N, C-alpha and C. Protein backbone atom coordinates (compact mmCIF):
# COMPACT_ATOMS: atom_id res chain seq x y z
N MET A 1 8.68 -40.44 -21.21
CA MET A 1 7.61 -39.51 -20.92
C MET A 1 7.90 -38.84 -19.56
N ALA A 2 7.75 -37.52 -19.51
CA ALA A 2 8.01 -36.78 -18.28
C ALA A 2 6.89 -37.04 -17.27
N ARG A 3 7.27 -37.11 -16.00
CA ARG A 3 6.28 -37.29 -14.94
C ARG A 3 5.51 -35.99 -14.73
N THR A 4 4.24 -36.12 -14.46
CA THR A 4 3.41 -34.97 -14.16
C THR A 4 3.64 -34.57 -12.71
N ALA A 5 3.74 -33.27 -12.47
CA ALA A 5 3.95 -32.77 -11.12
C ALA A 5 2.71 -33.06 -10.26
N ASP A 6 2.92 -33.57 -9.07
CA ASP A 6 1.84 -33.88 -8.13
C ASP A 6 1.30 -32.56 -7.56
N PRO A 7 0.00 -32.26 -7.75
CA PRO A 7 -0.56 -30.99 -7.27
C PRO A 7 -0.42 -30.80 -5.76
N GLN A 8 -0.59 -31.89 -4.99
CA GLN A 8 -0.46 -31.79 -3.53
C GLN A 8 0.99 -31.44 -3.15
N ARG A 9 1.92 -32.08 -3.79
CA ARG A 9 3.34 -31.82 -3.51
C ARG A 9 3.70 -30.40 -3.92
N ARG A 10 3.14 -29.96 -5.04
CA ARG A 10 3.40 -28.59 -5.51
C ARG A 10 2.86 -27.58 -4.50
N ALA A 11 1.65 -27.82 -3.97
CA ALA A 11 1.07 -26.92 -2.97
C ALA A 11 1.93 -26.86 -1.72
N GLU A 12 2.42 -28.00 -1.26
CA GLU A 12 3.30 -28.04 -0.09
C GLU A 12 4.59 -27.28 -0.37
N LEU A 13 5.12 -27.46 -1.57
CA LEU A 13 6.33 -26.77 -1.96
C LEU A 13 6.10 -25.26 -1.99
N LEU A 14 4.96 -24.84 -2.53
CA LEU A 14 4.63 -23.41 -2.57
C LEU A 14 4.51 -22.82 -1.17
N ASP A 15 3.90 -23.56 -0.25
CA ASP A 15 3.83 -23.08 1.14
C ASP A 15 5.22 -22.90 1.72
N SER A 16 6.11 -23.84 1.45
CA SER A 16 7.49 -23.73 1.94
C SER A 16 8.21 -22.54 1.31
N ILE A 17 7.93 -22.28 0.04
CA ILE A 17 8.55 -21.14 -0.64
C ILE A 17 8.03 -19.83 -0.07
N VAL A 18 6.72 -19.74 0.18
CA VAL A 18 6.16 -18.53 0.81
C VAL A 18 6.83 -18.30 2.16
N ASP A 19 6.96 -19.35 2.96
CA ASP A 19 7.60 -19.22 4.27
C ASP A 19 9.05 -18.78 4.12
N TYR A 20 9.75 -19.33 3.13
CA TYR A 20 11.14 -18.94 2.87
C TYR A 20 11.21 -17.44 2.53
N LEU A 21 10.34 -17.00 1.63
CA LEU A 21 10.35 -15.59 1.23
C LEU A 21 10.00 -14.67 2.39
N ALA A 22 9.11 -15.12 3.26
CA ALA A 22 8.75 -14.32 4.43
C ALA A 22 9.97 -14.09 5.32
N GLY A 23 10.87 -15.06 5.35
CA GLY A 23 12.07 -14.92 6.17
C GLY A 23 13.25 -14.30 5.46
N HIS A 24 13.30 -14.42 4.13
CA HIS A 24 14.48 -13.98 3.38
C HIS A 24 14.22 -12.82 2.42
N GLY A 25 12.97 -12.55 2.13
CA GLY A 25 12.66 -11.48 1.19
C GLY A 25 12.58 -11.99 -0.23
N LEU A 26 12.01 -11.16 -1.07
CA LEU A 26 11.77 -11.51 -2.47
C LEU A 26 12.82 -10.95 -3.41
N SER A 27 13.37 -9.81 -3.07
CA SER A 27 14.22 -9.09 -4.03
C SER A 27 15.48 -9.86 -4.43
N THR A 28 15.93 -10.77 -3.59
CA THR A 28 17.15 -11.52 -3.91
C THR A 28 16.86 -12.99 -4.22
N LEU A 29 15.61 -13.30 -4.58
CA LEU A 29 15.24 -14.68 -4.85
C LEU A 29 16.10 -15.28 -5.95
N SER A 30 16.68 -16.44 -5.66
CA SER A 30 17.47 -17.18 -6.63
C SER A 30 17.16 -18.66 -6.44
N MET A 31 17.07 -19.41 -7.54
CA MET A 31 16.66 -20.82 -7.48
C MET A 31 17.60 -21.68 -6.66
N ARG A 32 18.89 -21.55 -6.85
CA ARG A 32 19.83 -22.43 -6.16
C ARG A 32 19.78 -22.27 -4.63
N PRO A 33 19.91 -21.03 -4.09
CA PRO A 33 19.80 -20.88 -2.63
C PRO A 33 18.44 -21.32 -2.09
N LEU A 34 17.38 -21.06 -2.86
CA LEU A 34 16.05 -21.50 -2.44
C LEU A 34 16.01 -23.02 -2.34
N ALA A 35 16.49 -23.70 -3.36
CA ALA A 35 16.50 -25.17 -3.37
C ALA A 35 17.32 -25.70 -2.20
N GLU A 36 18.48 -25.10 -1.96
CA GLU A 36 19.32 -25.54 -0.84
C GLU A 36 18.60 -25.38 0.48
N HIS A 37 17.96 -24.24 0.66
CA HIS A 37 17.22 -23.99 1.90
C HIS A 37 16.11 -25.01 2.11
N LEU A 38 15.44 -25.38 1.02
CA LEU A 38 14.34 -26.33 1.10
C LEU A 38 14.82 -27.78 1.19
N GLY A 39 16.15 -27.97 1.05
CA GLY A 39 16.69 -29.33 1.07
C GLY A 39 16.36 -30.10 -0.20
N LYS A 40 16.21 -29.38 -1.28
CA LYS A 40 15.85 -29.97 -2.58
C LYS A 40 16.93 -29.61 -3.59
N SER A 41 16.83 -30.24 -4.74
CA SER A 41 17.71 -29.84 -5.84
C SER A 41 16.95 -28.85 -6.71
N THR A 42 17.67 -28.08 -7.51
CA THR A 42 16.99 -27.17 -8.44
C THR A 42 16.15 -27.98 -9.43
N ARG A 43 16.54 -29.22 -9.64
CA ARG A 43 15.77 -30.11 -10.54
C ARG A 43 14.35 -30.33 -10.01
N VAL A 44 14.21 -30.47 -8.69
CA VAL A 44 12.88 -30.63 -8.09
C VAL A 44 12.05 -29.37 -8.36
N LEU A 45 12.67 -28.21 -8.21
CA LEU A 45 11.93 -26.97 -8.47
C LEU A 45 11.52 -26.86 -9.93
N THR A 46 12.43 -27.21 -10.84
CA THR A 46 12.09 -27.11 -12.26
C THR A 46 11.11 -28.20 -12.70
N HIS A 47 10.99 -29.25 -11.89
CA HIS A 47 9.96 -30.27 -12.18
C HIS A 47 8.56 -29.67 -11.96
N HIS A 48 8.46 -28.82 -10.94
CA HIS A 48 7.17 -28.22 -10.60
C HIS A 48 6.93 -26.88 -11.29
N PHE A 49 8.00 -26.17 -11.63
CA PHE A 49 7.90 -24.83 -12.22
C PHE A 49 8.88 -24.76 -13.39
N ALA A 50 8.39 -24.36 -14.55
CA ALA A 50 9.22 -24.33 -15.76
C ALA A 50 10.44 -23.43 -15.58
N ASP A 51 10.29 -22.33 -14.86
CA ASP A 51 11.40 -21.40 -14.66
C ASP A 51 11.10 -20.52 -13.45
N LYS A 52 12.01 -19.61 -13.18
CA LYS A 52 11.86 -18.72 -12.03
C LYS A 52 10.61 -17.86 -12.15
N GLU A 53 10.27 -17.45 -13.36
CA GLU A 53 9.08 -16.63 -13.57
C GLU A 53 7.81 -17.37 -13.16
N GLU A 54 7.71 -18.64 -13.56
CA GLU A 54 6.53 -19.43 -13.19
C GLU A 54 6.51 -19.67 -11.69
N LEU A 55 7.66 -19.93 -11.09
CA LEU A 55 7.75 -20.12 -9.65
C LEU A 55 7.27 -18.86 -8.92
N LEU A 56 7.72 -17.71 -9.40
CA LEU A 56 7.35 -16.44 -8.78
C LEU A 56 5.84 -16.20 -8.89
N SER A 57 5.28 -16.43 -10.06
CA SER A 57 3.83 -16.24 -10.23
C SER A 57 3.04 -17.18 -9.33
N ALA A 58 3.42 -18.45 -9.30
CA ALA A 58 2.72 -19.44 -8.49
C ALA A 58 2.85 -19.12 -6.99
N THR A 59 4.01 -18.64 -6.59
CA THR A 59 4.25 -18.31 -5.19
C THR A 59 3.41 -17.11 -4.77
N MET A 60 3.35 -16.10 -5.62
CA MET A 60 2.52 -14.93 -5.31
C MET A 60 1.05 -15.32 -5.20
N GLU A 61 0.61 -16.19 -6.09
CA GLU A 61 -0.77 -16.66 -6.05
C GLU A 61 -1.05 -17.40 -4.74
N ARG A 62 -0.11 -18.24 -4.32
CA ARG A 62 -0.28 -19.00 -3.07
C ARG A 62 -0.26 -18.06 -1.86
N LEU A 63 0.62 -17.07 -1.85
CA LEU A 63 0.64 -16.09 -0.78
C LEU A 63 -0.71 -15.39 -0.69
N ASP A 64 -1.24 -15.01 -1.82
CA ASP A 64 -2.54 -14.36 -1.88
C ASP A 64 -3.63 -15.26 -1.30
N GLU A 65 -3.67 -16.52 -1.72
CA GLU A 65 -4.68 -17.46 -1.21
C GLU A 65 -4.58 -17.60 0.30
N ARG A 66 -3.36 -17.79 0.79
CA ARG A 66 -3.16 -17.96 2.24
C ARG A 66 -3.58 -16.71 3.00
N HIS A 67 -3.16 -15.54 2.52
CA HIS A 67 -3.44 -14.31 3.23
C HIS A 67 -4.94 -14.03 3.29
N ARG A 68 -5.63 -14.20 2.17
CA ARG A 68 -7.09 -14.00 2.17
C ARG A 68 -7.79 -15.01 3.08
N GLY A 69 -7.30 -16.23 3.09
CA GLY A 69 -7.86 -17.25 3.98
C GLY A 69 -7.71 -16.86 5.44
N TRP A 70 -6.52 -16.38 5.80
CA TRP A 70 -6.28 -15.95 7.18
C TRP A 70 -7.20 -14.80 7.55
N LEU A 71 -7.33 -13.82 6.65
CA LEU A 71 -8.18 -12.67 6.95
C LEU A 71 -9.64 -13.07 7.11
N ARG A 72 -10.12 -13.93 6.22
CA ARG A 72 -11.52 -14.36 6.31
C ARG A 72 -11.79 -15.22 7.54
N ALA A 73 -10.75 -15.82 8.09
CA ALA A 73 -10.91 -16.65 9.28
C ALA A 73 -10.98 -15.83 10.56
N LEU A 74 -10.66 -14.55 10.48
CA LEU A 74 -10.74 -13.70 11.67
C LEU A 74 -12.20 -13.54 12.09
N PRO A 75 -12.47 -13.48 13.38
CA PRO A 75 -13.85 -13.32 13.85
C PRO A 75 -14.48 -12.04 13.31
N GLY A 76 -15.78 -12.10 13.03
CA GLY A 76 -16.54 -10.93 12.63
C GLY A 76 -16.68 -10.74 11.14
N TRP A 77 -15.91 -11.47 10.35
CA TRP A 77 -15.96 -11.31 8.89
C TRP A 77 -17.36 -11.65 8.35
N ASP A 78 -18.06 -12.51 9.07
CA ASP A 78 -19.37 -12.99 8.63
C ASP A 78 -20.49 -11.95 8.79
N GLY A 79 -20.16 -10.75 9.23
CA GLY A 79 -21.16 -9.70 9.37
C GLY A 79 -21.52 -9.39 10.80
N SER A 80 -20.94 -10.11 11.74
CA SER A 80 -21.28 -9.90 13.15
C SER A 80 -20.56 -8.69 13.76
N ASP A 81 -19.54 -8.17 13.09
CA ASP A 81 -18.81 -7.01 13.59
C ASP A 81 -18.76 -5.92 12.54
N SER A 82 -18.50 -4.70 13.00
CA SER A 82 -18.39 -3.58 12.07
C SER A 82 -17.11 -3.72 11.25
N VAL A 83 -17.08 -3.02 10.13
CA VAL A 83 -15.89 -3.04 9.28
C VAL A 83 -14.70 -2.47 10.05
N GLY A 84 -14.94 -1.42 10.81
CA GLY A 84 -13.86 -0.85 11.62
C GLY A 84 -13.28 -1.84 12.60
N THR A 85 -14.13 -2.63 13.22
CA THR A 85 -13.66 -3.67 14.15
C THR A 85 -12.81 -4.69 13.41
N ILE A 86 -13.22 -5.05 12.21
CA ILE A 86 -12.45 -6.02 11.42
C ILE A 86 -11.10 -5.43 11.02
N ILE A 87 -11.08 -4.14 10.66
CA ILE A 87 -9.82 -3.48 10.32
C ILE A 87 -8.87 -3.53 11.52
N ARG A 88 -9.39 -3.20 12.69
CA ARG A 88 -8.55 -3.20 13.88
C ARG A 88 -8.07 -4.61 14.21
N ARG A 89 -8.96 -5.59 14.10
CA ARG A 89 -8.61 -6.98 14.37
C ARG A 89 -7.53 -7.46 13.38
N THR A 90 -7.67 -7.05 12.12
CA THR A 90 -6.68 -7.40 11.10
C THR A 90 -5.32 -6.81 11.46
N TRP A 91 -5.32 -5.56 11.88
CA TRP A 91 -4.09 -4.88 12.30
C TRP A 91 -3.41 -5.66 13.43
N ASP A 92 -4.19 -5.97 14.46
CA ASP A 92 -3.64 -6.68 15.60
C ASP A 92 -3.08 -8.04 15.19
N TRP A 93 -3.79 -8.74 14.30
CA TRP A 93 -3.34 -10.05 13.83
C TRP A 93 -2.06 -9.93 13.02
N GLN A 94 -2.02 -8.97 12.07
CA GLN A 94 -0.85 -8.84 11.21
C GLN A 94 0.40 -8.43 11.98
N LEU A 95 0.22 -7.71 13.09
CA LEU A 95 1.38 -7.25 13.83
C LEU A 95 1.79 -8.17 14.98
N GLN A 96 1.15 -9.34 15.07
CA GLN A 96 1.65 -10.34 16.01
C GLN A 96 3.02 -10.80 15.52
N GLU A 97 3.91 -11.05 16.43
CA GLU A 97 5.30 -11.38 16.07
C GLU A 97 5.41 -12.47 15.01
N GLU A 98 4.59 -13.52 15.13
CA GLU A 98 4.68 -14.63 14.17
C GLU A 98 4.13 -14.27 12.79
N ASN A 99 3.35 -13.18 12.69
CA ASN A 99 2.77 -12.78 11.40
C ASN A 99 3.53 -11.63 10.73
N LEU A 100 4.43 -11.00 11.47
CA LEU A 100 5.17 -9.87 10.91
C LEU A 100 5.96 -10.21 9.65
N PRO A 101 6.59 -11.38 9.55
CA PRO A 101 7.32 -11.68 8.31
C PRO A 101 6.44 -11.62 7.06
N ILE A 102 5.20 -12.09 7.16
CA ILE A 102 4.29 -12.03 6.01
C ILE A 102 3.90 -10.59 5.73
N ALA A 103 3.62 -9.80 6.76
CA ALA A 103 3.29 -8.39 6.57
C ALA A 103 4.45 -7.67 5.87
N ARG A 104 5.67 -7.94 6.33
CA ARG A 104 6.84 -7.31 5.70
C ARG A 104 7.02 -7.77 4.26
N LEU A 105 6.78 -9.05 3.99
CA LEU A 105 6.88 -9.56 2.62
C LEU A 105 5.87 -8.85 1.72
N ILE A 106 4.66 -8.68 2.20
CA ILE A 106 3.63 -8.01 1.40
C ILE A 106 4.05 -6.57 1.10
N HIS A 107 4.62 -5.89 2.08
CA HIS A 107 5.07 -4.51 1.84
C HIS A 107 6.27 -4.49 0.89
N GLU A 108 7.13 -5.49 0.96
CA GLU A 108 8.24 -5.57 0.00
C GLU A 108 7.67 -5.74 -1.41
N ILE A 109 6.68 -6.60 -1.56
CA ILE A 109 6.05 -6.82 -2.87
C ILE A 109 5.43 -5.52 -3.37
N GLU A 110 4.75 -4.78 -2.47
CA GLU A 110 4.17 -3.50 -2.86
C GLU A 110 5.25 -2.55 -3.38
N GLY A 111 6.36 -2.48 -2.67
CA GLY A 111 7.45 -1.60 -3.08
C GLY A 111 8.04 -2.00 -4.42
N LEU A 112 8.28 -3.30 -4.59
CA LEU A 112 8.83 -3.78 -5.86
C LEU A 112 7.84 -3.54 -7.00
N ALA A 113 6.57 -3.76 -6.74
CA ALA A 113 5.55 -3.54 -7.77
C ALA A 113 5.47 -2.05 -8.13
N ALA A 114 5.50 -1.18 -7.11
CA ALA A 114 5.45 0.26 -7.36
C ALA A 114 6.66 0.73 -8.16
N GLY A 115 7.79 0.05 -7.97
CA GLY A 115 9.01 0.39 -8.71
C GLY A 115 9.08 -0.26 -10.08
N GLY A 116 8.00 -0.96 -10.49
CA GLY A 116 7.96 -1.59 -11.80
C GLY A 116 8.83 -2.83 -11.92
N ARG A 117 9.21 -3.43 -10.78
CA ARG A 117 10.10 -4.57 -10.81
C ARG A 117 9.38 -5.91 -10.72
N LEU A 118 8.06 -5.89 -10.74
CA LEU A 118 7.30 -7.15 -10.69
C LEU A 118 6.28 -7.22 -11.81
N ALA A 119 6.60 -6.66 -12.95
CA ALA A 119 5.67 -6.65 -14.07
C ALA A 119 5.15 -8.06 -14.35
N GLY A 120 3.83 -8.19 -14.38
CA GLY A 120 3.21 -9.48 -14.67
C GLY A 120 3.11 -10.40 -13.48
N HIS A 121 3.60 -10.00 -12.32
CA HIS A 121 3.60 -10.89 -11.16
C HIS A 121 2.87 -10.32 -9.95
N VAL A 122 2.19 -9.21 -10.11
CA VAL A 122 1.51 -8.62 -8.96
C VAL A 122 0.34 -9.52 -8.59
N PRO A 123 0.37 -10.06 -7.37
CA PRO A 123 -0.70 -10.98 -6.97
C PRO A 123 -2.03 -10.25 -6.79
N ARG A 124 -3.08 -11.03 -6.82
CA ARG A 124 -4.40 -10.45 -6.59
C ARG A 124 -4.44 -9.70 -5.27
N LEU A 125 -3.64 -10.13 -4.31
CA LEU A 125 -3.58 -9.47 -3.02
C LEU A 125 -3.38 -7.97 -3.19
N LEU A 126 -2.57 -7.57 -4.15
CA LEU A 126 -2.35 -6.15 -4.40
C LEU A 126 -3.31 -5.62 -5.45
N ALA A 127 -3.41 -6.32 -6.56
CA ALA A 127 -4.19 -5.83 -7.70
C ALA A 127 -5.68 -5.74 -7.39
N ASP A 128 -6.21 -6.65 -6.62
CA ASP A 128 -7.65 -6.68 -6.35
C ASP A 128 -7.99 -6.33 -4.90
N ARG A 129 -7.05 -5.69 -4.21
CA ARG A 129 -7.27 -5.38 -2.80
C ARG A 129 -8.52 -4.53 -2.60
N ALA A 130 -8.75 -3.55 -3.45
CA ALA A 130 -9.94 -2.70 -3.30
C ALA A 130 -11.21 -3.53 -3.42
N GLU A 131 -11.24 -4.45 -4.37
CA GLU A 131 -12.42 -5.29 -4.56
C GLU A 131 -12.61 -6.24 -3.38
N PHE A 132 -11.53 -6.75 -2.82
CA PHE A 132 -11.61 -7.67 -1.69
C PHE A 132 -12.34 -7.01 -0.51
N VAL A 133 -11.95 -5.79 -0.19
CA VAL A 133 -12.57 -5.07 0.93
C VAL A 133 -13.94 -4.53 0.52
N ALA A 134 -14.08 -4.13 -0.74
CA ALA A 134 -15.38 -3.63 -1.21
C ALA A 134 -16.45 -4.71 -1.08
N ALA A 135 -16.09 -5.97 -1.30
CA ALA A 135 -17.05 -7.06 -1.15
C ALA A 135 -17.55 -7.13 0.30
N LEU A 136 -16.66 -6.94 1.25
CA LEU A 136 -17.04 -6.90 2.67
C LEU A 136 -18.01 -5.75 2.93
N LEU A 137 -17.74 -4.61 2.31
CA LEU A 137 -18.61 -3.44 2.49
C LEU A 137 -19.98 -3.66 1.85
N ARG A 138 -20.00 -4.25 0.65
CA ARG A 138 -21.28 -4.52 -0.02
C ARG A 138 -22.13 -5.48 0.80
N GLU A 139 -21.48 -6.44 1.45
CA GLU A 139 -22.23 -7.37 2.31
C GLU A 139 -22.91 -6.65 3.46
N ARG A 140 -22.43 -5.46 3.78
CA ARG A 140 -23.02 -4.67 4.86
C ARG A 140 -23.92 -3.56 4.32
N GLY A 141 -24.31 -3.69 3.04
CA GLY A 141 -25.29 -2.78 2.46
C GLY A 141 -24.73 -1.54 1.79
N VAL A 142 -23.42 -1.43 1.63
CA VAL A 142 -22.85 -0.25 0.99
C VAL A 142 -22.95 -0.42 -0.53
N PRO A 143 -23.51 0.56 -1.25
CA PRO A 143 -23.62 0.47 -2.71
C PRO A 143 -22.24 0.37 -3.38
N GLU A 144 -22.25 -0.16 -4.59
CA GLU A 144 -21.02 -0.47 -5.34
C GLU A 144 -20.01 0.67 -5.38
N ARG A 145 -20.40 1.82 -5.90
CA ARG A 145 -19.44 2.93 -6.07
C ARG A 145 -18.89 3.38 -4.72
N ALA A 146 -19.74 3.50 -3.74
CA ALA A 146 -19.28 3.91 -2.41
C ALA A 146 -18.37 2.84 -1.81
N ALA A 147 -18.69 1.58 -2.03
CA ALA A 147 -17.87 0.48 -1.50
C ALA A 147 -16.45 0.54 -2.06
N LEU A 148 -16.33 0.77 -3.35
CA LEU A 148 -14.99 0.86 -3.96
C LEU A 148 -14.23 2.09 -3.47
N ARG A 149 -14.94 3.21 -3.32
CA ARG A 149 -14.29 4.43 -2.84
C ARG A 149 -13.80 4.26 -1.39
N ILE A 150 -14.68 3.76 -0.52
CA ILE A 150 -14.32 3.56 0.88
C ILE A 150 -13.19 2.54 0.99
N SER A 151 -13.29 1.47 0.22
CA SER A 151 -12.26 0.43 0.24
C SER A 151 -10.90 0.99 -0.17
N THR A 152 -10.89 1.78 -1.22
CA THR A 152 -9.63 2.37 -1.70
C THR A 152 -9.02 3.27 -0.64
N LEU A 153 -9.84 4.13 -0.05
CA LEU A 153 -9.35 5.03 1.01
C LEU A 153 -8.85 4.24 2.22
N ALA A 154 -9.64 3.28 2.66
CA ALA A 154 -9.27 2.50 3.86
C ALA A 154 -8.00 1.69 3.62
N ASN A 155 -7.90 1.03 2.46
CA ASN A 155 -6.70 0.24 2.16
C ASN A 155 -5.46 1.10 2.10
N SER A 156 -5.56 2.23 1.43
CA SER A 156 -4.39 3.11 1.28
C SER A 156 -3.94 3.66 2.63
N ALA A 157 -4.90 4.10 3.42
CA ALA A 157 -4.55 4.64 4.75
C ALA A 157 -3.98 3.54 5.64
N TYR A 158 -4.59 2.36 5.62
CA TYR A 158 -4.14 1.23 6.44
C TYR A 158 -2.71 0.85 6.08
N THR A 159 -2.44 0.72 4.79
CA THR A 159 -1.10 0.35 4.34
C THR A 159 -0.09 1.41 4.76
N GLY A 160 -0.43 2.66 4.56
CA GLY A 160 0.47 3.74 4.97
C GLY A 160 0.76 3.73 6.46
N LEU A 161 -0.28 3.50 7.26
CA LEU A 161 -0.10 3.44 8.71
C LEU A 161 0.78 2.25 9.10
N GLN A 162 0.57 1.12 8.45
CA GLN A 162 1.37 -0.05 8.79
C GLN A 162 2.84 0.16 8.43
N ILE A 163 3.08 0.74 7.27
CA ILE A 163 4.46 1.04 6.87
C ILE A 163 5.07 2.06 7.84
N ASP A 164 4.30 3.05 8.25
CA ASP A 164 4.78 4.03 9.23
C ASP A 164 5.21 3.32 10.51
N TYR A 165 4.36 2.45 11.03
CA TYR A 165 4.72 1.73 12.25
C TYR A 165 5.95 0.85 12.06
N LEU A 166 5.99 0.09 10.96
CA LEU A 166 7.11 -0.83 10.74
C LEU A 166 8.43 -0.09 10.55
N THR A 167 8.39 1.12 10.03
CA THR A 167 9.64 1.87 9.84
C THR A 167 10.00 2.74 11.03
N SER A 168 8.99 3.28 11.72
CA SER A 168 9.27 4.19 12.85
C SER A 168 9.28 3.48 14.20
N GLY A 169 8.50 2.40 14.32
CA GLY A 169 8.37 1.72 15.60
C GLY A 169 7.48 2.47 16.59
N GLU A 170 6.86 3.55 16.16
CA GLU A 170 6.04 4.39 17.05
C GLU A 170 4.60 3.89 17.08
N ARG A 171 4.39 2.83 17.80
CA ARG A 171 3.09 2.16 17.79
C ARG A 171 1.97 3.02 18.36
N GLU A 172 2.21 3.70 19.47
CA GLU A 172 1.14 4.48 20.10
C GLU A 172 0.63 5.57 19.17
N ARG A 173 1.52 6.33 18.57
CA ARG A 173 1.13 7.41 17.65
C ARG A 173 0.37 6.85 16.45
N VAL A 174 0.91 5.78 15.87
CA VAL A 174 0.30 5.21 14.67
C VAL A 174 -1.05 4.59 14.99
N GLU A 175 -1.17 3.93 16.14
CA GLU A 175 -2.44 3.30 16.47
C GLU A 175 -3.51 4.33 16.85
N GLU A 176 -3.12 5.49 17.32
CA GLU A 176 -4.11 6.56 17.51
C GLU A 176 -4.70 6.96 16.16
N ALA A 177 -3.84 7.06 15.16
CA ALA A 177 -4.32 7.37 13.80
C ALA A 177 -5.17 6.23 13.26
N LEU A 178 -4.76 4.97 13.53
CA LEU A 178 -5.55 3.82 13.10
C LEU A 178 -6.94 3.86 13.73
N ASP A 179 -7.02 4.18 15.02
CA ASP A 179 -8.32 4.25 15.69
C ASP A 179 -9.21 5.31 15.03
N GLN A 180 -8.61 6.42 14.60
CA GLN A 180 -9.39 7.44 13.90
C GLN A 180 -9.85 6.92 12.54
N LEU A 181 -8.98 6.19 11.84
CA LEU A 181 -9.36 5.60 10.56
C LEU A 181 -10.53 4.64 10.75
N VAL A 182 -10.45 3.80 11.76
CA VAL A 182 -11.51 2.82 12.05
C VAL A 182 -12.84 3.53 12.28
N ALA A 183 -12.81 4.60 13.06
CA ALA A 183 -14.03 5.37 13.34
C ALA A 183 -14.58 6.00 12.06
N LEU A 184 -13.69 6.53 11.24
CA LEU A 184 -14.12 7.12 9.97
C LEU A 184 -14.75 6.09 9.05
N VAL A 185 -14.12 4.93 8.93
CA VAL A 185 -14.67 3.88 8.06
C VAL A 185 -16.07 3.48 8.53
N ASP A 186 -16.24 3.31 9.84
CA ASP A 186 -17.57 2.94 10.34
C ASP A 186 -18.59 4.05 10.06
N GLU A 187 -18.16 5.32 10.16
CA GLU A 187 -19.04 6.45 9.81
C GLU A 187 -19.42 6.40 8.34
N TRP A 188 -18.42 6.17 7.49
CA TRP A 188 -18.67 6.13 6.04
C TRP A 188 -19.63 4.99 5.69
N VAL A 189 -19.45 3.86 6.36
CA VAL A 189 -20.33 2.69 6.09
C VAL A 189 -21.75 3.02 6.51
N ARG A 190 -21.91 3.62 7.69
CA ARG A 190 -23.26 3.98 8.16
C ARG A 190 -23.91 4.98 7.20
N ALA A 191 -23.14 5.96 6.77
CA ALA A 191 -23.70 6.99 5.88
C ALA A 191 -24.06 6.44 4.50
N ALA A 192 -23.31 5.45 4.04
CA ALA A 192 -23.51 4.93 2.68
C ALA A 192 -24.55 3.82 2.61
N SER A 193 -24.83 3.16 3.74
CA SER A 193 -25.74 2.00 3.68
C SER A 193 -27.15 2.34 4.15
């Protein structure tokens, strides 16, 4: 009889895989180099994941859980700060040196997904991003349709600005645009609620 995979061990393994991908990228993921990096055999990986596809899905799900947890842990999420303040705080947090690998991994996933190379593996982080931010807006009194519209605009602009900064390195110019986005979002929230 095959041993059942230990859920705690699997979660630890997934965290290690997310960290590995943050440092090495997703596009060249291969089981053998991953196992070697983790100091494991490919047999250990296949004990927890039937194949690379299952590993990829589980890893994306874990990345999503961790990222949402980090964002919700930022001050002000509980309603004590404006949405614009939370957007700015999120920006500052994501661009801290220790968090940049995760930000870059998320943008790599976005690019691969946009290119149709992650069919069936797009994490909720991407697929439900509008709803994630819309929930924050609804908590501040913004009606459903307006919350989804504002969330979609804010997410798209934020992502574009972050990619602009990561590719150009022009932080001052990009952050001036971010400050304008933050002001606009707060205006939209006031007008809609």
